[in-house]
Amino acid sequence: MICHSINLGIYSIMKVIKVSLVILLTIFLASSCAVQKTSVGNYNEIQCDEKLLTKEKDVALFWELLPMRRVEDFITVKNYEKISKRNFFDTVVYYGTIGIFSFHTVKIYVKECPTE
């Protein structure tokens, strides 16, 4: 009888652990899919071909309250589109450090018009 109740206790604990892992994995993967697009200047009005200017990382500390490095601080163009997202590595670092370190992969696109 005691052995039967121990097995039921272990089974319920294992079930709680499995459900918790599925929930954590879902949150982890969902947060790495968020994408933010920001157009700066007259980027949307320019009718030319889009070109990737740079792909780098934004770095912040303490739950993104203290930006340490921003990609747009190092570019000289006035009209661009910034696409920021967390890839898998960025998400692992963010949750692995409990938000103390935060990375976002940033792509900067510019419009390139053919010269005549």
N, C-alpha and C. Protein backbone atom coordinates (compact mmCIF):
# COMPACT_ATOMS: atom_id res chain seq x y z
N MET A 1 0.82 -1.19 0.00
CA MET A 1 0.00 0.00 0.00
C MET A 1 0.87 1.26 0.00
N ILE A 2 1.93 1.25 0.80
CA ILE A 2 2.82 2.41 0.86
C ILE A 2 3.52 2.62 -0.48
N CYS A 3 3.92 1.52 -1.10
CA CYS A 3 4.61 1.61 -2.38
C CYS A 3 3.68 2.20 -3.44
N HIS A 4 2.41 1.85 -3.40
CA HIS A 4 1.45 2.36 -4.36
C HIS A 4 1.29 3.88 -4.21
N SER A 5 1.22 4.38 -2.99
CA SER A 5 1.06 5.82 -2.78
C SER A 5 2.33 6.59 -3.17
N ILE A 6 3.48 5.97 -2.98
CA ILE A 6 4.73 6.61 -3.40
C ILE A 6 4.77 6.73 -4.92
N ASN A 7 4.34 5.68 -5.63
CA ASN A 7 4.31 5.73 -7.09
C ASN A 7 3.35 6.81 -7.59
N LEU A 8 2.19 6.96 -6.93
CA LEU A 8 1.26 8.01 -7.32
C LEU A 8 1.86 9.39 -7.08
N GLY A 9 2.58 9.55 -5.97
CA GLY A 9 3.23 10.83 -5.67
C GLY A 9 4.30 11.17 -6.69
N ILE A 10 5.10 10.19 -7.05
CA ILE A 10 6.15 10.41 -8.05
C ILE A 10 5.53 10.71 -9.41
N TYR A 11 4.46 10.01 -9.75
CA TYR A 11 3.79 10.24 -11.03
C TYR A 11 3.23 11.66 -11.11
N SER A 12 2.64 12.14 -10.05
CA SER A 12 2.07 13.49 -10.07
C SER A 12 3.18 14.55 -10.14
N ILE A 13 4.29 14.31 -9.46
CA ILE A 13 5.42 15.24 -9.52
C ILE A 13 6.00 15.27 -10.93
N MET A 14 6.14 14.11 -11.56
CA MET A 14 6.66 14.05 -12.93
C MET A 14 5.73 14.76 -13.90
N LYS A 15 4.43 14.62 -13.68
CA LYS A 15 3.45 15.28 -14.54
C LYS A 15 3.56 16.80 -14.42
N VAL A 16 3.72 17.29 -13.20
CA VAL A 16 3.87 18.73 -12.98
C VAL A 16 5.16 19.24 -13.63
N ILE A 17 6.22 18.48 -13.53
CA ILE A 17 7.50 18.87 -14.14
C ILE A 17 7.37 18.92 -15.66
N LYS A 18 6.71 17.93 -16.26
CA LYS A 18 6.54 17.91 -17.71
C LYS A 18 5.71 19.10 -18.18
N VAL A 19 4.62 19.38 -17.49
CA VAL A 19 3.77 20.51 -17.87
C VAL A 19 4.54 21.81 -17.72
N SER A 20 5.30 21.96 -16.65
CA SER A 20 6.10 23.17 -16.44
C SER A 20 7.14 23.35 -17.53
N LEU A 21 7.80 22.27 -17.93
CA LEU A 21 8.79 22.35 -19.00
C LEU A 21 8.16 22.75 -20.33
N VAL A 22 7.00 22.22 -20.62
CA VAL A 22 6.31 22.59 -21.86
C VAL A 22 5.93 24.06 -21.85
N ILE A 23 5.43 24.56 -20.73
CA ILE A 23 5.07 25.97 -20.61
C ILE A 23 6.31 26.85 -20.75
N LEU A 24 7.39 26.51 -20.08
CA LEU A 24 8.62 27.29 -20.18
C LEU A 24 9.19 27.28 -21.60
N LEU A 25 9.16 26.14 -22.24
CA LEU A 25 9.65 26.04 -23.61
C LEU A 25 8.80 26.88 -24.55
N THR A 26 7.50 26.88 -24.36
CA THR A 26 6.61 27.69 -25.19
C THR A 26 6.91 29.18 -25.02
N ILE A 27 7.06 29.62 -23.79
CA ILE A 27 7.38 31.03 -23.52
C ILE A 27 8.74 31.38 -24.13
N PHE A 28 9.70 30.49 -23.98
CA PHE A 28 11.05 30.70 -24.49
C PHE A 28 11.05 30.86 -26.00
N LEU A 29 10.35 29.97 -26.70
CA LEU A 29 10.32 30.03 -28.15
C LEU A 29 9.47 31.19 -28.66
N ALA A 30 8.39 31.49 -27.99
CA ALA A 30 7.53 32.59 -28.43
C ALA A 30 8.24 33.94 -28.30
N SER A 31 9.03 34.10 -27.27
CA SER A 31 9.73 35.38 -27.09
C SER A 31 10.84 35.57 -28.11
N SER A 32 11.34 34.50 -28.71
CA SER A 32 12.40 34.66 -29.70
C SER A 32 11.84 34.97 -31.09
N CYS A 33 10.53 35.02 -31.23
CA CYS A 33 9.92 35.28 -32.54
C CYS A 33 9.49 36.73 -32.72
N ALA A 34 9.59 37.54 -31.71
CA ALA A 34 9.13 38.93 -31.79
C ALA A 34 10.06 39.75 -32.68
N VAL A 35 9.48 40.49 -33.61
CA VAL A 35 10.24 41.33 -34.54
C VAL A 35 9.71 42.74 -34.46
N GLN A 36 10.63 43.71 -34.44
CA GLN A 36 10.23 45.12 -34.42
C GLN A 36 10.86 45.82 -35.61
N LYS A 37 10.00 46.44 -36.44
CA LYS A 37 10.47 47.20 -37.60
C LYS A 37 10.27 48.68 -37.33
N THR A 38 11.32 49.46 -37.60
CA THR A 38 11.26 50.91 -37.42
C THR A 38 11.84 51.59 -38.65
N SER A 39 11.03 52.43 -39.31
CA SER A 39 11.50 53.21 -40.45
C SER A 39 11.93 54.58 -39.98
N VAL A 40 13.10 55.02 -40.43
CA VAL A 40 13.65 56.30 -40.01
C VAL A 40 13.81 57.18 -41.25
N GLY A 41 13.47 58.46 -41.10
CA GLY A 41 13.59 59.40 -42.21
C GLY A 41 12.53 59.14 -43.27
N ASN A 42 12.92 59.28 -44.53
CA ASN A 42 12.01 59.08 -45.67
C ASN A 42 12.14 57.69 -46.27
N TYR A 43 12.48 56.71 -45.48
CA TYR A 43 12.74 55.37 -46.00
C TYR A 43 11.55 54.82 -46.78
N ASN A 44 10.34 54.98 -46.27
CA ASN A 44 9.16 54.41 -46.93
C ASN A 44 8.80 55.14 -48.21
N GLU A 45 9.14 56.40 -48.34
CA GLU A 45 8.79 57.16 -49.53
C GLU A 45 9.75 56.94 -50.70
N ILE A 46 10.94 56.47 -50.43
CA ILE A 46 11.94 56.26 -51.48
C ILE A 46 11.58 55.00 -52.26
N GLN A 47 11.48 55.13 -53.58
CA GLN A 47 11.09 54.01 -54.45
C GLN A 47 12.32 53.40 -55.13
N CYS A 48 13.17 52.77 -54.37
CA CYS A 48 14.37 52.12 -54.91
C CYS A 48 14.50 50.73 -54.31
N ASP A 49 15.54 50.03 -54.72
CA ASP A 49 15.76 48.68 -54.22
C ASP A 49 16.32 48.70 -52.80
N GLU A 50 15.87 47.75 -52.01
CA GLU A 50 16.30 47.62 -50.62
C GLU A 50 17.62 46.86 -50.56
N LYS A 51 18.53 47.33 -49.71
CA LYS A 51 19.84 46.69 -49.58
C LYS A 51 20.19 46.61 -48.10
N LEU A 52 20.74 45.46 -47.68
CA LEU A 52 21.18 45.28 -46.30
C LEU A 52 22.48 46.05 -46.09
N LEU A 53 22.46 47.00 -45.18
CA LEU A 53 23.66 47.79 -44.89
C LEU A 53 24.54 47.10 -43.86
N THR A 54 23.92 46.62 -42.77
CA THR A 54 24.69 45.96 -41.72
C THR A 54 23.79 45.04 -40.90
N LYS A 55 24.41 44.05 -40.29
CA LYS A 55 23.72 43.14 -39.37
C LYS A 55 24.61 43.01 -38.15
N GLU A 56 24.13 43.55 -37.02
CA GLU A 56 24.93 43.54 -35.79
C GLU A 56 24.03 43.30 -34.59
N LYS A 57 24.58 43.50 -33.39
CA LYS A 57 23.84 43.26 -32.15
C LYS A 57 23.69 44.54 -31.35
N ASP A 58 22.48 44.77 -30.84
CA ASP A 58 22.25 45.76 -29.81
C ASP A 58 22.48 45.07 -28.47
N VAL A 59 23.12 45.76 -27.55
CA VAL A 59 23.42 45.18 -26.24
C VAL A 59 22.85 46.10 -25.16
N ALA A 60 22.17 45.49 -24.19
CA ALA A 60 21.62 46.25 -23.07
C ALA A 60 21.80 45.45 -21.79
N LEU A 61 21.72 46.14 -20.68
CA LEU A 61 21.85 45.51 -19.37
C LEU A 61 20.58 45.75 -18.55
N PHE A 62 20.40 44.91 -17.56
CA PHE A 62 19.33 45.06 -16.57
C PHE A 62 17.96 45.22 -17.21
N TRP A 63 17.53 44.14 -17.88
CA TRP A 63 16.19 44.06 -18.46
C TRP A 63 15.94 45.17 -19.47
N GLU A 64 16.98 45.49 -20.22
CA GLU A 64 16.97 46.49 -21.29
C GLU A 64 16.76 47.92 -20.80
N LEU A 65 17.06 48.17 -19.54
CA LEU A 65 16.93 49.51 -18.99
C LEU A 65 18.16 50.37 -19.27
N LEU A 66 19.30 49.73 -19.48
CA LEU A 66 20.55 50.45 -19.70
C LEU A 66 21.17 50.01 -21.03
N PRO A 67 20.89 50.75 -22.12
CA PRO A 67 21.49 50.38 -23.41
C PRO A 67 23.00 50.61 -23.40
N MET A 68 23.74 49.60 -23.81
CA MET A 68 25.20 49.71 -23.85
C MET A 68 25.71 49.97 -25.27
N ARG A 69 25.04 49.38 -26.25
CA ARG A 69 25.46 49.55 -27.65
C ARG A 69 24.22 49.53 -28.52
N ARG A 70 24.08 50.55 -29.36
CA ARG A 70 22.98 50.61 -30.31
C ARG A 70 23.56 50.74 -31.71
N VAL A 71 23.11 49.90 -32.60
CA VAL A 71 23.66 49.85 -33.96
C VAL A 71 23.46 51.19 -34.67
N GLU A 72 22.31 51.83 -34.50
CA GLU A 72 22.04 53.07 -35.24
C GLU A 72 22.95 54.21 -34.82
N ASP A 73 23.65 54.09 -33.70
CA ASP A 73 24.61 55.11 -33.30
C ASP A 73 25.89 55.08 -34.17
N PHE A 74 26.09 53.98 -34.89
CA PHE A 74 27.32 53.81 -35.67
C PHE A 74 27.11 53.93 -37.17
N ILE A 75 25.91 54.28 -37.61
CA ILE A 75 25.68 54.42 -39.04
C ILE A 75 25.52 55.90 -39.39
N THR A 76 25.81 56.24 -40.63
CA THR A 76 25.79 57.65 -41.03
C THR A 76 24.64 57.99 -41.95
N VAL A 77 23.87 57.03 -42.41
CA VAL A 77 22.76 57.31 -43.32
C VAL A 77 21.58 57.89 -42.55
N LYS A 78 20.76 58.66 -43.26
CA LYS A 78 19.62 59.33 -42.62
C LYS A 78 18.31 58.57 -42.83
N ASN A 79 18.19 57.85 -43.94
CA ASN A 79 16.97 57.12 -44.27
C ASN A 79 17.26 55.62 -44.25
N TYR A 80 16.69 54.93 -43.28
CA TYR A 80 16.94 53.49 -43.16
C TYR A 80 15.78 52.82 -42.43
N GLU A 81 15.80 51.50 -42.49
CA GLU A 81 14.83 50.69 -41.75
C GLU A 81 15.60 49.78 -40.81
N LYS A 82 15.20 49.78 -39.56
CA LYS A 82 15.85 48.94 -38.54
C LYS A 82 14.90 47.79 -38.21
N ILE A 83 15.40 46.57 -38.38
CA ILE A 83 14.63 45.39 -38.01
C ILE A 83 15.36 44.72 -36.86
N SER A 84 14.69 44.66 -35.71
CA SER A 84 15.29 44.13 -34.49
C SER A 84 14.52 42.90 -34.02
N LYS A 85 15.26 41.84 -33.71
CA LYS A 85 14.61 40.64 -33.19
C LYS A 85 15.61 39.86 -32.33
N ARG A 86 15.07 38.96 -31.55
CA ARG A 86 15.91 38.06 -30.77
C ARG A 86 15.98 36.73 -31.49
N ASN A 87 17.19 36.28 -31.81
CA ASN A 87 17.30 34.94 -32.35
C ASN A 87 17.48 33.96 -31.18
N PHE A 88 17.70 32.71 -31.48
CA PHE A 88 17.78 31.69 -30.43
C PHE A 88 18.90 31.99 -29.44
N PHE A 89 20.08 32.35 -29.94
CA PHE A 89 21.21 32.67 -29.06
C PHE A 89 20.90 33.84 -28.14
N ASP A 90 20.30 34.89 -28.71
CA ASP A 90 19.95 36.06 -27.91
C ASP A 90 18.98 35.70 -26.78
N THR A 91 18.03 34.84 -27.10
CA THR A 91 17.04 34.41 -26.10
C THR A 91 17.68 33.57 -25.01
N VAL A 92 18.61 32.69 -25.39
CA VAL A 92 19.31 31.87 -24.39
C VAL A 92 20.10 32.75 -23.43
N VAL A 93 20.78 33.75 -23.96
CA VAL A 93 21.55 34.66 -23.11
C VAL A 93 20.62 35.45 -22.19
N TYR A 94 19.52 35.95 -22.74
CA TYR A 94 18.59 36.77 -21.95
C TYR A 94 18.02 35.97 -20.78
N TYR A 95 17.49 34.78 -21.06
CA TYR A 95 16.90 33.99 -19.98
C TYR A 95 17.95 33.32 -19.11
N GLY A 96 19.09 32.98 -19.70
CA GLY A 96 20.15 32.36 -18.92
C GLY A 96 20.76 33.29 -17.89
N THR A 97 20.73 34.59 -18.16
CA THR A 97 21.25 35.57 -17.20
C THR A 97 20.13 36.29 -16.45
N ILE A 98 18.92 35.76 -16.57
CA ILE A 98 17.74 36.31 -15.90
C ILE A 98 17.52 37.78 -16.29
N GLY A 99 17.83 38.11 -17.54
CA GLY A 99 17.58 39.45 -18.05
C GLY A 99 18.68 40.46 -17.80
N ILE A 100 19.73 40.07 -17.12
CA ILE A 100 20.81 41.03 -16.84
C ILE A 100 21.51 41.44 -18.13
N PHE A 101 21.76 40.49 -19.04
CA PHE A 101 22.31 40.80 -20.35
C PHE A 101 21.22 40.59 -21.39
N SER A 102 21.14 41.51 -22.33
CA SER A 102 20.12 41.41 -23.37
C SER A 102 20.74 41.74 -24.71
N PHE A 103 20.56 40.85 -25.67
CA PHE A 103 21.03 41.06 -27.04
C PHE A 103 19.83 41.05 -27.97
N HIS A 104 19.89 41.87 -29.00
CA HIS A 104 18.93 41.85 -30.11
C HIS A 104 19.75 41.85 -31.40
N THR A 105 19.40 40.99 -32.32
CA THR A 105 20.02 41.01 -33.63
C THR A 105 19.34 42.10 -34.45
N VAL A 106 20.13 43.01 -34.99
CA VAL A 106 19.60 44.16 -35.71
C VAL A 106 20.12 44.15 -37.14
N LYS A 107 19.18 44.34 -38.07
CA LYS A 107 19.53 44.51 -39.48
C LYS A 107 19.12 45.91 -39.88
N ILE A 108 20.04 46.60 -40.55
CA ILE A 108 19.77 47.94 -41.06
C ILE A 108 19.70 47.87 -42.58
N TYR A 109 18.54 48.28 -43.12
CA TYR A 109 18.34 48.30 -44.56
C TYR A 109 18.30 49.72 -45.07
N VAL A 110 18.89 49.96 -46.23
CA VAL A 110 18.84 51.27 -46.89
C VAL A 110 18.28 51.05 -48.28
N LYS A 111 17.82 52.15 -48.90
CA LYS A 111 17.34 52.07 -50.28
C LYS A 111 18.47 52.53 -51.20
N GLU A 112 18.74 51.71 -52.19
CA GLU A 112 19.82 51.99 -53.14
C GLU A 112 19.22 52.26 -54.52
N CYS A 113 19.35 53.49 -54.98
CA CYS A 113 18.82 53.88 -56.28
C CYS A 113 19.91 53.76 -57.34
N PRO A 114 19.54 53.25 -58.51
CA PRO A 114 20.56 53.15 -59.59
C PRO A 114 20.93 54.55 -60.09
N THR A 115 22.20 54.74 -60.33
CA THR A 115 22.66 56.03 -60.85
C THR A 115 22.59 56.01 -62.37
N GLU A 116 22.20 57.11 -62.97
CA GLU A 116 22.06 57.16 -64.43
C GLU A 116 23.17 57.93 -65.06
